[in-house]
Amino acid sequence: MAIKIVEVGPRDGLQNQPVILPADIRAAWINKLYEAGLRSVEVGSVVRADRIPQMANSEEVIELINPPEGVDVGVLVPNLKGLERITNPKVNDIGVFTAASNTFNEKNINTNIAGSLERIRPVVEQSLSRGLKVRGTVSCIAACPYEGVTDIATIVSVCEALYQMGCYEIVLGDTIGAGTPERIREVINALTPSIDVSKLALHAHDTHDNAIDNVAAALELGVSSIDAAAAGMGGCPYAPGAKGNVSTMKVVHFCHQEGLETGVDEGMLSIAEQFILRAIDQFS
């Protein structure tokens, strides 16, 4: 079975680093990730610079990257104003996001679940009309840092709403790393009656050093798309205590051990990881 690794380090990883990297450094790293064989990379986001300054030069980064033909060039878009900023034809994959928690959404995007879905709907519609595909992330699928364990029915409802809007993939975000293999199975099994498992992805955080166990649980149930971040960078500005994303190298190595294809060269991936870690150290 072939596994798609979605590299989220250039967005989710860098936005949590206490350093703002120049656009050419970010672009050089992204190019190295593509060279390592990653076919899907979230290269940045179009958000307010005063809220997440690490992403302020994303449009310049996109100008500088050289994605191979046929790869996904993803950008996280919070609203229609953000979508209007996506003019570069290199971008072909729009990321939208909400959470299965009213409080988390209020802290993150100043609206509740219903409000977030209404904000997302026109972004999806306009993206699709422009020939862009849309990937929808639902945060807090295990637990919310403010509300605790998340209601399964709420998760299903939010995921179904995004899927019905036209998102080609629904990403299950374990935002604070509270998930266990049992919880991951519970969520996936609750979703598959209405959303085919081939349309699901897992976004795991390694807060308790068990993210690879959660990835394994998802893979066992047929999920074939996994978010990961080079060097395990990441977290969430609006999720107190959230640690980094599961490491891309961990996921790739695990898949290869299990006989699963990723298309990623571990040696080249290591070079890309070392490059960005040196850059962060240099600009800190």
C-alpha atoms as a PDB file:
ATOM      1  CA  MET A   1       0.000   0.000   0.000  1.00  0.00           C
ATOM      2  CA  ALA A   2       1.233   3.503  -0.830  1.00  0.00           C
ATOM      3  CA  ILE A   3       1.064   6.105   1.926  1.00  0.00           C
ATOM      4  CA  LYS A   4       0.844   9.838   1.233  1.00  0.00           C
ATOM      5  CA  ILE A   5       2.902  11.860   3.691  1.00  0.00           C
ATOM      6  CA  VAL A   6       1.679  15.452   3.874  1.00  0.00           C
ATOM      7  CA  GLU A   7       4.593  17.581   5.055  1.00  0.00           C
ATOM      8  CA  VAL A   8       3.229  20.367   7.274  1.00  0.00           C
ATOM      9  CA  GLY A   9       6.520  21.615   8.722  1.00  0.00           C
ATOM     10  CA  PRO A  10       6.841  24.708   6.509  1.00  0.00           C
ATOM     11  CA  ARG A  11       3.508  25.950   7.877  1.00  0.00           C
ATOM     12  CA  ASP A  12       2.486  24.220  11.097  1.00  0.00           C
ATOM     13  CA  GLY A  13       6.094  23.692  12.139  1.00  0.00           C
ATOM     14  CA  LEU A  14       7.530  27.128  11.443  1.00  0.00           C
ATOM     15  CA  GLN A  15       4.559  29.103  12.768  1.00  0.00           C
ATOM     16  CA  ASN A  16       5.447  27.879  16.254  1.00  0.00           C
ATOM     17  CA  GLN A  17       9.149  28.696  16.100  1.00  0.00           C
ATOM     18  CA  PRO A  18      10.327  31.846  17.931  1.00  0.00           C
ATOM     19  CA  VAL A  19      12.061  33.066  14.786  1.00  0.00           C
ATOM     20  CA  ILE A  20      10.958  34.629  11.497  1.00  0.00           C
ATOM     21  CA  LEU A  21      12.896  33.099   8.626  1.00  0.00           C
ATOM     22  CA  PRO A  22      13.606  34.936   5.354  1.00  0.00           C
ATOM     23  CA  ALA A  23      11.518  33.831   2.387  1.00  0.00           C
ATOM     24  CA  ASP A  24      14.510  32.425   0.513  1.00  0.00           C
ATOM     25  CA  ILE A  25      15.410  30.139   3.438  1.00  0.00           C
ATOM     26  CA  ARG A  26      11.847  28.867   3.730  1.00  0.00           C
ATOM     27  CA  ALA A  27      11.700  28.277  -0.021  1.00  0.00           C
ATOM     28  CA  ALA A  28      15.054  26.471  -0.086  1.00  0.00           C
ATOM     29  CA  TRP A  29      13.816  24.139   2.643  1.00  0.00           C
ATOM     30  CA  ILE A  30      10.578  23.405   0.791  1.00  0.00           C
ATOM     31  CA  ASN A  31      12.544  22.626  -2.363  1.00  0.00           C
ATOM     32  CA  LYS A  32      14.684  20.166  -0.384  1.00  0.00           C
ATOM     33  CA  LEU A  33      11.540  18.484   0.949  1.00  0.00           C
ATOM     34  CA  TYR A  34      10.225  18.018  -2.582  1.00  0.00           C
ATOM     35  CA  GLU A  35      13.657  16.708  -3.630  1.00  0.00           C
ATOM     36  CA  ALA A  36      13.414  14.135  -0.818  1.00  0.00           C
ATOM     37  CA  GLY A  37      10.356  12.707  -2.547  1.00  0.00           C
ATOM     38  CA  LEU A  38       7.532  14.325  -0.606  1.00  0.00           C
ATOM     39  CA  ARG A  39       4.615  14.796  -2.978  1.00  0.00           C
ATOM     40  CA  SER A  40       2.462  17.001  -0.768  1.00  0.00           C
ATOM     41  CA  VAL A  41       3.798  19.996   1.171  1.00  0.00           C
ATOM     42  CA  GLU A  42       1.903  22.672   3.076  1.00  0.00           C
ATOM     43  CA  VAL A  43       4.141  25.577   2.121  1.00  0.00           C
ATOM     44  CA  GLY A  44       2.585  28.363   4.192  1.00  0.00           C
ATOM     45  CA  SER A  45      -0.558  30.236   5.126  1.00  0.00           C
ATOM     46  CA  VAL A  46      -2.193  33.543   4.259  1.00  0.00           C
ATOM     47  CA  VAL A  47      -3.064  34.858   7.689  1.00  0.00           C
ATOM     48  CA  ARG A  48      -2.759  38.206   9.437  1.00  0.00           C
ATOM     49  CA  ALA A  49       0.904  39.050   9.933  1.00  0.00           C
ATOM     50  CA  ASP A  50       0.229  40.500  13.378  1.00  0.00           C
ATOM     51  CA  ARG A  51      -1.205  37.167  14.540  1.00  0.00           C
ATOM     52  CA  ILE A  52       1.321  34.771  13.009  1.00  0.00           C
ATOM     53  CA  PRO A  53       4.326  36.815  11.799  1.00  0.00           C
ATOM     54  CA  GLN A  54       6.280  33.658  10.901  1.00  0.00           C
ATOM     55  CA  MET A  55       3.954  33.245   7.899  1.00  0.00           C
ATOM     56  CA  ALA A  56       3.951  36.891   6.783  1.00  0.00           C
ATOM     57  CA  ASN A  57       6.144  36.285   3.721  1.00  0.00           C
ATOM     58  CA  SER A  58       4.326  33.191   2.440  1.00  0.00           C
ATOM     59  CA  GLU A  59       3.454  34.733  -0.924  1.00  0.00           C
ATOM     60  CA  GLU A  60       7.128  35.518  -1.533  1.00  0.00           C
ATOM     61  CA  VAL A  61       8.012  31.954  -0.531  1.00  0.00           C
ATOM     62  CA  ILE A  62       5.584  30.591  -3.122  1.00  0.00           C
ATOM     63  CA  GLU A  63       7.258  32.717  -5.803  1.00  0.00           C
ATOM     64  CA  LEU A  64      10.618  31.151  -4.945  1.00  0.00           C
ATOM     65  CA  ILE A  65       9.743  27.451  -4.719  1.00  0.00           C
ATOM     66  CA  ASN A  66      10.225  24.997  -7.582  1.00  0.00           C
ATOM     67  CA  PRO A  67       7.655  22.238  -7.093  1.00  0.00           C
ATOM     68  CA  PRO A  68       8.005  19.225  -9.398  1.00  0.00           C
ATOM     69  CA  GLU A  69       5.151  18.508 -11.770  1.00  0.00           C
ATOM     70  CA  GLY A  70       2.226  16.682 -10.207  1.00  0.00           C
ATOM     71  CA  VAL A  71       2.882  17.527  -6.561  1.00  0.00           C
ATOM     72  CA  ASP A  72       0.548  19.235  -4.099  1.00  0.00           C
ATOM     73  CA  VAL A  73       1.433  22.803  -3.147  1.00  0.00           C
ATOM     74  CA  GLY A  74      -0.757  23.515  -0.150  1.00  0.00           C
ATOM     75  CA  VAL A  75      -1.611  26.798   1.548  1.00  0.00           C
ATOM     76  CA  LEU A  76      -3.755  27.241   4.641  1.00  0.00           C
ATOM     77  CA  VAL A  77      -6.504  29.807   4.030  1.00  0.00           C
ATOM     78  CA  PRO A  78      -8.614  31.153   6.929  1.00  0.00           C
ATOM     79  CA  ASN A  79     -11.233  33.102   4.979  1.00  0.00           C
ATOM     80  CA  LEU A  80     -12.202  34.658   1.645  1.00  0.00           C
ATOM     81  CA  LYS A  81      -9.802  37.551   2.134  1.00  0.00           C
ATOM     82  CA  GLY A  82      -7.000  35.014   2.402  1.00  0.00           C
ATOM     83  CA  LEU A  83      -8.173  33.186  -0.705  1.00  0.00           C
ATOM     84  CA  GLU A  84      -8.035  36.438  -2.678  1.00  0.00           C
ATOM     85  CA  ARG A  85      -4.299  36.536  -1.914  1.00  0.00           C
ATOM     86  CA  ILE A  86      -3.779  33.156  -3.613  1.00  0.00           C
ATOM     87  CA  THR A  87      -2.923  34.205  -7.161  1.00  0.00           C
ATOM     88  CA  ASN A  88       0.170  32.123  -7.905  1.00  0.00           C
ATOM     89  CA  PRO A  89      -0.664  29.184 -10.202  1.00  0.00           C
ATOM     90  CA  LYS A  90       1.821  26.980  -8.329  1.00  0.00           C
ATOM     91  CA  VAL A  91      -0.741  26.655  -5.517  1.00  0.00           C
ATOM     92  CA  ASN A  92      -3.218  23.851  -6.189  1.00  0.00           C
ATOM     93  CA  ASP A  93      -4.309  22.719  -2.726  1.00  0.00           C
ATOM     94  CA  ILE A  94      -6.235  24.949  -0.310  1.00  0.00           C
ATOM     95  CA  GLY A  95      -6.397  24.081   3.375  1.00  0.00           C
ATOM     96  CA  VAL A  96      -9.388  25.111   5.502  1.00  0.00           C
ATOM     97  CA  PHE A  97      -9.786  24.420   9.180  1.00  0.00           C
ATOM     98  CA  THR A  98     -12.206  24.314  12.065  1.00  0.00           C
ATOM     99  CA  ALA A  99     -12.482  22.409  15.333  1.00  0.00           C
ATOM    100  CA  ALA A 100     -14.950  20.057  16.969  1.00  0.00           C
ATOM    101  CA  SER A 101     -15.008  22.459  19.927  1.00  0.00           C
ATOM    102  CA  ASN A 102     -16.818  25.770  20.249  1.00  0.00           C
ATOM    103  CA  THR A 103     -14.343  27.122  22.798  1.00  0.00           C
ATOM    104  CA  PHE A 104     -11.295  26.228  20.708  1.00  0.00           C
ATOM    105  CA  ASN A 105     -12.826  27.928  17.684  1.00  0.00           C
ATOM    106  CA  GLU A 106     -13.655  31.019  19.749  1.00  0.00           C
ATOM    107  CA  LYS A 107     -10.044  31.235  20.989  1.00  0.00           C
ATOM    108  CA  ASN A 108      -8.593  30.535  17.558  1.00  0.00           C
ATOM    109  CA  ILE A 109     -10.868  32.273  15.038  1.00  0.00           C
ATOM    110  CA  ASN A 110     -13.356  34.234  17.168  1.00  0.00           C
ATOM    111  CA  THR A 111     -16.440  32.255  16.230  1.00  0.00           C
ATOM    112  CA  ASN A 112     -18.165  29.001  17.166  1.00  0.00           C
ATOM    113  CA  ILE A 113     -18.394  25.769  15.151  1.00  0.00           C
ATOM    114  CA  ALA A 114     -21.405  26.914  13.131  1.00  0.00           C
ATOM    115  CA  GLY A 115     -19.797  30.277  12.413  1.00  0.00           C
ATOM    116  CA  SER A 116     -16.565  28.645  11.300  1.00  0.00           C
ATOM    117  CA  LEU A 117     -18.395  26.389   8.853  1.00  0.00           C
ATOM    118  CA  GLU A 118     -20.251  29.357   7.378  1.00  0.00           C
ATOM    119  CA  ARG A 119     -16.904  31.120   6.950  1.00  0.00           C
ATOM    120  CA  ILE A 120     -15.379  28.073   5.289  1.00  0.00           C
ATOM    121  CA  ARG A 121     -18.231  27.388   2.857  1.00  0.00           C
ATOM    122  CA  PRO A 122     -17.558  30.268   0.407  1.00  0.00           C
ATOM    123  CA  VAL A 123     -13.809  29.552   0.546  1.00  0.00           C
ATOM    124  CA  VAL A 124     -14.473  25.971  -0.566  1.00  0.00           C
ATOM    125  CA  GLU A 125     -16.970  27.048  -3.222  1.00  0.00           C
ATOM    126  CA  GLN A 126     -14.690  29.677  -4.740  1.00  0.00           C
ATOM    127  CA  SER A 127     -11.637  27.412  -4.553  1.00  0.00           C
ATOM    128  CA  LEU A 128     -13.448  24.644  -6.405  1.00  0.00           C
ATOM    129  CA  SER A 129     -14.733  27.109  -8.998  1.00  0.00           C
ATOM    130  CA  ARG A 130     -11.101  28.123  -9.615  1.00  0.00           C
ATOM    131  CA  GLY A 131     -10.046  24.503 -10.103  1.00  0.00           C
ATOM    132  CA  LEU A 132      -8.313  24.269  -6.737  1.00  0.00           C
ATOM    133  CA  LYS A 133      -8.854  21.250  -4.522  1.00  0.00           C
ATOM    134  CA  VAL A 134      -9.633  21.745  -0.844  1.00  0.00           C
ATOM    135  CA  ARG A 135      -8.458  19.805   2.196  1.00  0.00           C
ATOM    136  CA  GLY A 136     -10.392  20.302   5.431  1.00  0.00           C
ATOM    137  CA  THR A 137      -8.898  19.893   8.906  1.00  0.00           C
ATOM    138  CA  VAL A 138     -10.960  19.304  12.040  1.00  0.00           C
ATOM    139  CA  SER A 139      -8.974  20.053  15.193  1.00  0.00           C
ATOM    140  CA  CYS A 140      -9.439  18.547  18.653  1.00  0.00           C
ATOM    141  CA  ILE A 141     -10.648  15.106  17.534  1.00  0.00           C
ATOM    142  CA  ALA A 142      -9.380  13.550  20.763  1.00  0.00           C
ATOM    143  CA  ALA A 143      -9.694  16.387  23.246  1.00  0.00           C
ATOM    144  CA  CYS A 144      -9.850  20.173  23.511  1.00  0.00           C
ATOM    145  CA  PRO A 145      -7.465  22.070  25.822  1.00  0.00           C
ATOM    146  CA  TYR A 146     -10.454  24.022  27.160  1.00  0.00           C
ATOM    147  CA  GLU A 147     -13.408  21.596  27.039  1.00  0.00           C
ATOM    148  CA  GLY A 148     -11.731  18.227  27.585  1.00  0.00           C
ATOM    149  CA  VAL A 149     -12.703  15.053  25.692  1.00  0.00           C
ATOM    150  CA  THR A 150     -14.503  15.919  22.458  1.00  0.00           C
ATOM    151  CA  ASP A 151     -17.967  14.613  21.650  1.00  0.00           C
ATOM    152  CA  ILE A 152     -17.875  11.980  18.894  1.00  0.00           C
ATOM    153  CA  ALA A 153     -21.201  13.103  17.414  1.00  0.00           C
ATOM    154  CA  THR A 154     -19.838  16.642  17.087  1.00  0.00           C
ATOM    155  CA  ILE A 155     -16.718  15.371  15.326  1.00  0.00           C
ATOM    156  CA  VAL A 156     -18.825  13.376  12.869  1.00  0.00           C
ATOM    157  CA  SER A 157     -21.133  16.326  12.203  1.00  0.00           C
ATOM    158  CA  VAL A 158     -18.262  18.732  11.496  1.00  0.00           C
ATOM    159  CA  CYS A 159     -16.388  16.246   9.299  1.00  0.00           C
ATOM    160  CA  GLU A 160     -19.530  15.473   7.310  1.00  0.00           C
ATOM    161  CA  ALA A 161     -20.183  19.185   6.798  1.00  0.00           C
ATOM    162  CA  LEU A 162     -16.711  19.723   5.313  1.00  0.00           C
ATOM    163  CA  TYR A 163     -16.974  16.616   3.165  1.00  0.00           C
ATOM    164  CA  GLN A 164     -20.372  17.660   1.818  1.00  0.00           C
ATOM    165  CA  MET A 165     -18.972  21.088   0.952  1.00  0.00           C
ATOM    166  CA  GLY A 166     -16.514  19.376  -1.375  1.00  0.00           C
ATOM    167  CA  CYS A 167     -13.308  18.820   0.598  1.00  0.00           C
ATOM    168  CA  TYR A 168     -11.456  15.940  -1.059  1.00  0.00           C
ATOM    169  CA  GLU A 169      -9.834  14.918   2.221  1.00  0.00           C
ATOM    170  CA  ILE A 170     -10.835  15.339   5.857  1.00  0.00           C
ATOM    171  CA  VAL A 171      -7.913  15.638   8.255  1.00  0.00           C
ATOM    172  CA  LEU A 172      -8.448  14.418  11.807  1.00  0.00           C
ATOM    173  CA  GLY A 173      -6.389  16.736  13.974  1.00  0.00           C
ATOM    174  CA  ASP A 174      -5.238  15.462  17.366  1.00  0.00           C
ATOM    175  CA  THR A 175      -4.293  19.021  18.223  1.00  0.00           C
ATOM    176  CA  ILE A 176      -2.944  18.532  21.750  1.00  0.00           C
ATOM    177  CA  GLY A 177      -1.735  14.972  21.335  1.00  0.00           C
ATOM    178  CA  ALA A 178      -4.367  13.564  23.676  1.00  0.00           C
ATOM    179  CA  GLY A 179      -5.210  10.721  21.334  1.00  0.00           C
ATOM    180  CA  THR A 180      -4.662   7.034  21.932  1.00  0.00           C
ATOM    181  CA  PRO A 181      -4.906   4.215  19.401  1.00  0.00           C
ATOM    182  CA  GLU A 182      -8.293   3.340  20.906  1.00  0.00           C
ATOM    183  CA  ARG A 183      -9.563   6.895  20.461  1.00  0.00           C
ATOM    184  CA  ILE A 184      -8.261   7.111  16.905  1.00  0.00           C
ATOM    185  CA  ARG A 185     -10.061   3.867  16.035  1.00  0.00           C
ATOM    186  CA  GLU A 186     -13.249   5.118  17.700  1.00  0.00           C
ATOM    187  CA  VAL A 187     -13.255   8.330  15.661  1.00  0.00           C
ATOM    188  CA  ILE A 188     -12.451   6.637  12.350  1.00  0.00           C
ATOM    189  CA  ASN A 189     -15.049   3.906  12.893  1.00  0.00           C
ATOM    190  CA  ALA A 190     -17.654   6.582  13.693  1.00  0.00           C
ATOM    191  CA  LEU A 191     -16.869   8.379  10.427  1.00  0.00           C
ATOM    192  CA  THR A 192     -16.588   5.565   7.901  1.00  0.00           C
ATOM    193  CA  PRO A 193     -20.335   4.903   7.565  1.00  0.00           C
ATOM    194  CA  SER A 194     -20.637   8.334   5.913  1.00  0.00           C
ATOM    195  CA  ILE A 195     -17.095   9.141   4.706  1.00  0.00           C
ATOM    196  CA  ASP A 196     -14.962   6.544   2.957  1.00  0.00           C
ATOM    197  CA  VAL A 197     -11.715   5.837   4.816  1.00  0.00           C
ATOM    198  CA  SER A 198      -9.779   6.766   1.656  1.00  0.00           C
ATOM    199  CA  LYS A 199     -10.962  10.354   2.226  1.00  0.00           C
ATOM    200  CA  LEU A 200      -9.583  10.544   5.784  1.00  0.00           C
ATOM    201  CA  ALA A 201      -6.158  11.688   6.986  1.00  0.00           C
ATOM    202  CA  LEU A 202      -4.549  11.851  10.430  1.00  0.00           C
ATOM    203  CA  HIS A 203      -2.707  14.835  11.893  1.00  0.00           C
ATOM    204  CA  ALA A 204      -1.028  13.607  15.082  1.00  0.00           C
ATOM    205  CA  HIS A 205       0.951  15.479  17.715  1.00  0.00           C
ATOM    206  CA  ASP A 206       3.642  13.735  19.737  1.00  0.00           C
ATOM    207  CA  THR A 207       2.826  15.277  23.121  1.00  0.00           C
ATOM    208  CA  HIS A 208       3.040  11.940  24.930  1.00  0.00           C
ATOM    209  CA  ASP A 209       5.499  10.226  22.574  1.00  0.00           C
ATOM    210  CA  ASN A 210       2.754   7.940  21.274  1.00  0.00           C
ATOM    211  CA  ALA A 211       1.939   9.613  17.961  1.00  0.00           C
ATOM    212  CA  ILE A 212       3.412   6.774  15.915  1.00  0.00           C
ATOM    213  CA  ASP A 213       1.088   4.350  17.735  1.00  0.00           C
ATOM    214  CA  ASN A 214      -1.837   6.535  16.694  1.00  0.00           C
ATOM    215  CA  VAL A 215      -0.551   6.638  13.122  1.00  0.00           C
ATOM    216  CA  ALA A 216      -0.301   2.840  13.155  1.00  0.00           C
ATOM    217  CA  ALA A 217      -3.902   2.561  14.370  1.00  0.00           C
ATOM    218  CA  ALA A 218      -5.096   4.800  11.532  1.00  0.00           C
ATOM    219  CA  LEU A 219      -3.103   2.878   8.928  1.00  0.00           C
ATOM    220  CA  GLU A 220      -4.515  -0.431  10.178  1.00  0.00           C
ATOM    221  CA  LEU A 221      -8.031   0.875   9.486  1.00  0.00           C
ATOM    222  CA  GLY A 222      -7.129   1.900   5.946  1.00  0.00           C
ATOM    223  CA  VAL A 223      -6.182   5.574   6.321  1.00  0.00           C
ATOM    224  CA  SER A 224      -3.446   6.264   3.770  1.00  0.00           C
ATOM    225  CA  SER A 225      -2.751   9.990   4.253  1.00  0.00           C
ATOM    226  CA  ILE A 226      -0.663  11.146   7.216  1.00  0.00           C
ATOM    227  CA  ASP A 227       0.389  14.673   8.203  1.00  0.00           C
ATOM    228  CA  ALA A 228       3.900  15.005   9.613  1.00  0.00           C
ATOM    229  CA  ALA A 229       6.516  17.693  10.174  1.00  0.00           C
ATOM    230  CA  ALA A 230      10.225  17.481   9.492  1.00  0.00           C
ATOM    231  CA  ALA A 231      12.177  17.353  12.758  1.00  0.00           C
ATOM    232  CA  GLY A 232       8.889  17.031  14.643  1.00  0.00           C
ATOM    233  CA  MET A 233       8.339  20.784  14.693  1.00  0.00           C
ATOM    234  CA  GLY A 234       5.010  22.361  15.472  1.00  0.00           C
ATOM    235  CA  GLY A 235       2.353  22.763  18.096  1.00  0.00           C
ATOM    236  CA  CYS A 236      -0.473  25.269  17.984  1.00  0.00           C
ATOM    237  CA  PRO A 237      -0.492  28.941  19.048  1.00  0.00           C
ATOM    238  CA  TYR A 238      -4.019  28.512  20.424  1.00  0.00           C
ATOM    239  CA  ALA A 239      -3.585  25.134  22.118  1.00  0.00           C
ATOM    240  CA  PRO A 240      -1.742  25.462  25.429  1.00  0.00           C
ATOM    241  CA  GLY A 241       0.584  22.532  26.013  1.00  0.00           C
ATOM    242  CA  ALA A 242       0.504  21.236  22.460  1.00  0.00           C
ATOM    243  CA  LYS A 243       3.870  19.832  21.467  1.00  0.00           C
ATOM    244  CA  GLY A 244       5.238  19.185  18.020  1.00  0.00           C
ATOM    245  CA  ASN A 245       3.736  17.254  15.158  1.00  0.00           C
ATOM    246  CA  VAL A 246       4.780  13.673  14.669  1.00  0.00           C
ATOM    247  CA  SER A 247       8.168  13.653  12.971  1.00  0.00           C
ATOM    248  CA  THR A 248       8.191  13.023   9.234  1.00  0.00           C
ATOM    249  CA  MET A 249      11.236  10.792   9.627  1.00  0.00           C
ATOM    250  CA  LYS A 250       9.443   8.731  12.287  1.00  0.00           C
ATOM    251  CA  VAL A 251       6.438   8.214  10.029  1.00  0.00           C
ATOM    252  CA  VAL A 252       8.501   7.461   6.924  1.00  0.00           C
ATOM    253  CA  HIS A 253      10.763   5.027   8.785  1.00  0.00           C
ATOM    254  CA  PHE A 254       7.779   3.279  10.370  1.00  0.00           C
ATOM    255  CA  CYS A 255       6.042   2.925   7.008  1.00  0.00           C
ATOM    256  CA  HIS A 256       9.170   1.530   5.376  1.00  0.00           C
ATOM    257  CA  GLN A 257       9.606  -0.966   8.224  1.00  0.00           C
ATOM    258  CA  GLU A 258       6.025  -2.099   7.669  1.00  0.00           C
ATOM    259  CA  GLY A 259       6.591  -2.520   3.939  1.00  0.00           C
ATOM    260  CA  LEU A 260       4.517   0.532   3.025  1.00  0.00           C
ATOM    261  CA  GLU A 261       5.652   2.786   0.183  1.00  0.00           C
ATOM    262  CA  THR A 262       6.059   6.542   0.751  1.00  0.00           C
ATOM    263  CA  GLY A 263       8.284   7.599  -2.139  1.00  0.00           C
ATOM    264  CA  VAL A 264      10.465   9.458   0.375  1.00  0.00           C
ATOM    265  CA  ASP A 265      14.251   9.043   0.501  1.00  0.00           C
ATOM    266  CA  GLU A 266      15.259   8.956   4.174  1.00  0.00           C
ATOM    267  CA  GLY A 267      18.765  10.260   3.455  1.00  0.00           C
ATOM    268  CA  MET A 268      17.472  13.259   1.509  1.00  0.00           C
ATOM    269  CA  LEU A 269      14.848  13.888   4.180  1.00  0.00           C
ATOM    270  CA  SER A 270      17.590  13.960   6.816  1.00  0.00           C
ATOM    271  CA  ILE A 271      19.466  16.577   4.770  1.00  0.00           C
ATOM    272  CA  ALA A 272      16.302  18.706   4.596  1.00  0.00           C
ATOM    273  CA  GLU A 273      15.789  18.393   8.358  1.00  0.00           C
ATOM    274  CA  GLN A 274      19.382  19.382   9.118  1.00  0.00           C
ATOM    275  CA  PHE A 275      19.069  22.378   6.791  1.00  0.00           C
ATOM    276  CA  ILE A 276      16.054  23.855   8.582  1.00  0.00           C
ATOM    277  CA  LEU A 277      17.393  23.151  12.075  1.00  0.00           C
ATOM    278  CA  ARG A 278      20.613  24.994  11.210  1.00  0.00           C
ATOM    279  CA  ALA A 279      18.612  27.881   9.745  1.00  0.00           C
ATOM    280  CA  ILE A 280      16.455  28.213  12.855  1.00  0.00           C
ATOM    281  CA  ASP A 281      19.582  28.212  15.011  1.00  0.00           C
ATOM    282  CA  GLN A 282      21.269  30.778  12.757  1.00  0.00           C
ATOM    283  CA  PHE A 283      18.359  33.253  12.830  1.00  0.00           C
ATOM    284  CA  SER A 284      17.464  32.802  16.511  1.00  0.00           C
END
